Amino acid sequence: MANRFDDVEEVLDRHARRLARELGGLFVDVGEALRRASDRDRRPPASEGSEPTKEDLYREATRLDVPGRSRMTKAELRDAIERLK
């Protein structure tokens, strides 16, 4: 009977660690989004004809719901946005 409890405890522990990692990742994502929003609020608007920043491209990719956007480089974001427009 003790082995069964050990098995259950091991499974619960494994799931708790996985959930903690996922929750930690969500906190990081929220923190980054808040930082970007704060930076955006403090930055003057880009002038016409200037090249968009990676953050500008990321916001547009978010609006367009580009899959995998969080791992893309600036060039990849630009290309993905152009393909969707």
Protein backbone atom coordinates (compact mmCIF):
# COMPACT_ATOMS: atom_id res chain seq x y z
CA MET A 1 0.00 0.00 0.00
CA ALA A 2 2.89 2.35 0.80
CA ASN A 3 4.18 2.01 -2.77
CA ARG A 4 0.85 3.20 -4.14
CA PHE A 5 0.99 6.32 -1.96
CA ASP A 6 4.60 6.92 -3.04
CA ASP A 7 3.52 6.64 -6.69
CA VAL A 8 0.64 9.07 -6.17
CA GLU A 9 2.93 11.48 -4.32
CA GLU A 10 5.49 11.31 -7.15
CA VAL A 11 2.85 12.00 -9.81
CA LEU A 12 1.39 14.91 -7.84
CA ASP A 13 4.86 16.34 -7.24
CA ARG A 14 5.72 16.11 -10.95
CA HIS A 15 2.48 17.90 -11.91
CA ALA A 16 3.00 20.57 -9.26
CA ARG A 17 6.50 21.31 -10.62
CA ARG A 18 5.13 21.51 -14.19
CA LEU A 19 2.35 23.87 -13.13
CA ALA A 20 4.83 26.04 -11.21
CA ARG A 21 7.02 26.33 -14.34
CA GLU A 22 4.02 27.28 -16.48
CA LEU A 23 2.81 29.83 -13.95
CA GLY A 24 6.31 31.30 -13.72
CA GLY A 25 6.37 31.61 -17.50
CA LEU A 26 3.03 33.41 -17.45
CA PHE A 27 4.35 35.87 -14.85
CA VAL A 28 7.38 36.55 -17.06
CA ASP A 29 5.13 37.12 -20.10
CA VAL A 30 2.89 39.50 -18.14
CA GLY A 31 5.90 41.37 -16.79
CA GLU A 32 7.36 41.78 -20.28
CA ALA A 33 4.02 42.98 -21.64
CA LEU A 34 3.73 45.55 -18.85
CA ARG A 35 7.30 46.72 -19.47
CA ARG A 36 6.64 47.10 -23.20
CA ALA A 37 3.43 49.02 -22.51
CA SER A 38 5.29 51.31 -20.11
CA ASP A 39 8.11 51.85 -22.62
CA ARG A 40 5.61 52.55 -25.37
CA ASP A 41 3.83 55.15 -23.25
CA ARG A 42 7.11 56.99 -22.58
CA ARG A 43 8.47 56.83 -26.15
CA PRO A 44 7.54 59.56 -28.64
CA PRO A 45 5.57 58.26 -31.65
CA ALA A 46 7.65 57.14 -34.62
CA SER A 47 7.82 59.69 -37.39
CA GLU A 48 6.51 58.84 -40.84
CA GLY A 49 9.02 56.98 -42.97
CA SER A 50 11.12 55.75 -40.05
CA GLU A 51 11.69 52.04 -39.59
CA PRO A 52 9.45 50.37 -36.97
CA THR A 53 11.10 48.94 -33.87
CA LYS A 54 10.90 45.28 -32.97
CA GLU A 55 8.36 46.22 -30.30
CA ASP A 56 6.23 48.00 -32.91
CA LEU A 57 6.39 44.92 -35.11
CA TYR A 58 5.57 42.65 -32.18
CA ARG A 59 2.48 44.73 -31.31
CA GLU A 60 1.32 44.50 -34.94
CA ALA A 61 2.01 40.75 -34.98
CA THR A 62 -0.02 40.41 -31.77
CA ARG A 63 -2.88 42.34 -33.36
CA LEU A 64 -2.70 40.03 -36.39
CA ASP A 65 -2.36 36.95 -34.14
CA VAL A 66 0.87 35.76 -35.80
CA PRO A 67 1.74 32.31 -34.39
CA GLY A 68 5.20 31.99 -32.83
CA ARG A 69 5.70 35.76 -32.69
CA SER A 70 7.34 35.76 -29.25
CA ARG A 71 10.32 33.80 -30.59
CA MET A 72 10.74 35.74 -33.85
CA THR A 73 13.49 38.16 -34.73
CA LYS A 74 12.70 41.64 -36.00
CA ALA A 75 13.16 40.52 -39.61
CA GLU A 76 10.95 37.46 -39.10
CA LEU A 77 8.23 39.62 -37.55
CA ARG A 78 8.41 42.04 -40.49
CA ASP A 79 8.16 39.19 -42.99
CA ALA A 80 5.27 37.51 -41.16
CA ILE A 81 3.33 40.77 -41.01
CA GLU A 82 3.91 41.45 -44.69
CA ARG A 83 2.64 37.96 -45.60
CA LEU A 84 -0.59 38.60 -43.67
CA LYS A 85 -1.29 42.04 -45.13
